[in-house]
N, C-alpha and C. Protein backbone atom coordinates (compact mmCIF):
# COMPACT_ATOMS: atom_id res chain seq x y z
N PHE A 1 7.36 1.18 -5.98
CA PHE A 1 6.48 2.29 -5.64
C PHE A 1 5.35 2.43 -6.65
N ILE A 2 5.57 1.95 -7.84
CA ILE A 2 4.51 2.02 -8.85
C ILE A 2 3.32 1.19 -8.41
N MET A 3 3.60 0.02 -7.80
CA MET A 3 2.51 -0.84 -7.34
C MET A 3 1.67 -0.15 -6.28
N ILE A 4 2.31 0.58 -5.38
CA ILE A 4 1.58 1.27 -4.32
C ILE A 4 0.65 2.31 -4.93
N GLY A 5 1.14 3.05 -5.93
CA GLY A 5 0.31 4.05 -6.59
C GLY A 5 -0.91 3.43 -7.24
N ALA A 6 -0.72 2.27 -7.87
CA ALA A 6 -1.83 1.60 -8.53
C ALA A 6 -2.86 1.12 -7.51
N ILE A 7 -2.37 0.63 -6.37
CA ILE A 7 -3.29 0.13 -5.34
C ILE A 7 -4.07 1.28 -4.71
N THR A 8 -3.39 2.37 -4.37
CA THR A 8 -4.10 3.47 -3.72
C THR A 8 -5.05 4.15 -4.69
N ALA A 9 -4.74 4.12 -6.00
CA ALA A 9 -5.64 4.71 -6.98
C ALA A 9 -6.90 3.86 -7.14
N ALA A 10 -6.77 2.55 -6.92
CA ALA A 10 -7.88 1.64 -7.15
C ALA A 10 -8.76 1.48 -5.91
N MET A 11 -8.22 1.77 -4.73
CA MET A 11 -8.96 1.56 -3.50
C MET A 11 -9.13 2.88 -2.76
N PRO A 12 -10.34 3.16 -2.27
CA PRO A 12 -10.51 4.35 -1.43
C PRO A 12 -9.76 4.16 -0.12
N VAL A 13 -9.03 5.17 0.30
CA VAL A 13 -8.30 5.07 1.56
C VAL A 13 -8.75 6.19 2.48
N ASN A 14 -8.81 5.86 3.75
CA ASN A 14 -9.24 6.82 4.76
C ASN A 14 -8.15 6.95 5.81
N PRO A 15 -8.12 8.07 6.52
CA PRO A 15 -7.14 8.20 7.60
C PRO A 15 -7.24 7.03 8.57
N GLY A 16 -6.10 6.48 8.94
CA GLY A 16 -6.08 5.36 9.86
C GLY A 16 -6.04 4.00 9.17
N ASP A 17 -6.25 3.98 7.84
CA ASP A 17 -6.20 2.71 7.12
C ASP A 17 -4.77 2.19 7.07
N ASN A 18 -4.63 0.88 7.15
CA ASN A 18 -3.32 0.24 7.04
C ASN A 18 -3.24 -0.50 5.72
N PHE A 19 -2.03 -0.59 5.18
CA PHE A 19 -1.85 -1.35 3.96
C PHE A 19 -0.53 -2.10 4.01
N THR A 20 -0.48 -3.21 3.30
CA THR A 20 0.76 -3.98 3.17
C THR A 20 0.89 -4.40 1.72
N VAL A 21 2.05 -4.13 1.13
CA VAL A 21 2.31 -4.53 -0.25
C VAL A 21 3.45 -5.54 -0.22
N HIS A 22 3.22 -6.70 -0.82
CA HIS A 22 4.23 -7.76 -0.86
C HIS A 22 4.87 -7.81 -2.24
N TYR A 23 6.20 -7.78 -2.26
CA TYR A 23 6.94 -7.91 -3.52
C TYR A 23 7.62 -9.26 -3.53
N GLN A 24 7.48 -9.98 -4.62
CA GLN A 24 8.11 -11.29 -4.73
C GLN A 24 9.62 -11.14 -4.62
N ASP A 25 10.22 -11.87 -3.68
CA ASP A 25 11.68 -11.89 -3.47
C ASP A 25 12.23 -10.58 -2.92
N LEU A 26 11.39 -9.58 -2.67
CA LEU A 26 11.90 -8.29 -2.19
C LEU A 26 11.34 -7.92 -0.83
N GLY A 27 10.50 -8.80 -0.26
CA GLY A 27 9.93 -8.48 1.04
C GLY A 27 8.62 -7.74 0.90
N SER A 28 8.28 -6.93 1.90
CA SER A 28 7.00 -6.24 1.87
C SER A 28 7.15 -4.84 2.44
N ILE A 29 6.17 -4.00 2.12
CA ILE A 29 6.13 -2.64 2.64
C ILE A 29 4.81 -2.47 3.36
N SER A 30 4.85 -1.98 4.57
CA SER A 30 3.63 -1.70 5.32
C SER A 30 3.56 -0.22 5.62
N GLY A 31 2.36 0.30 5.72
CA GLY A 31 2.21 1.71 6.03
C GLY A 31 0.85 2.01 6.60
N ARG A 32 0.68 3.24 7.03
CA ARG A 32 -0.59 3.65 7.61
C ARG A 32 -0.88 5.06 7.14
N PHE A 33 -2.09 5.26 6.63
CA PHE A 33 -2.49 6.58 6.19
C PHE A 33 -2.93 7.40 7.39
N VAL A 34 -2.48 8.62 7.47
CA VAL A 34 -2.82 9.46 8.62
C VAL A 34 -3.56 10.71 8.15
């Protein structure tokens, strides 16, 4: 979850934006800002 915070802090996000975070050996997390 720390990685997601760093990414959202570094990139402007708008409603409807999609994101995917890949973790080595742990799979990935996808989400959508609403």
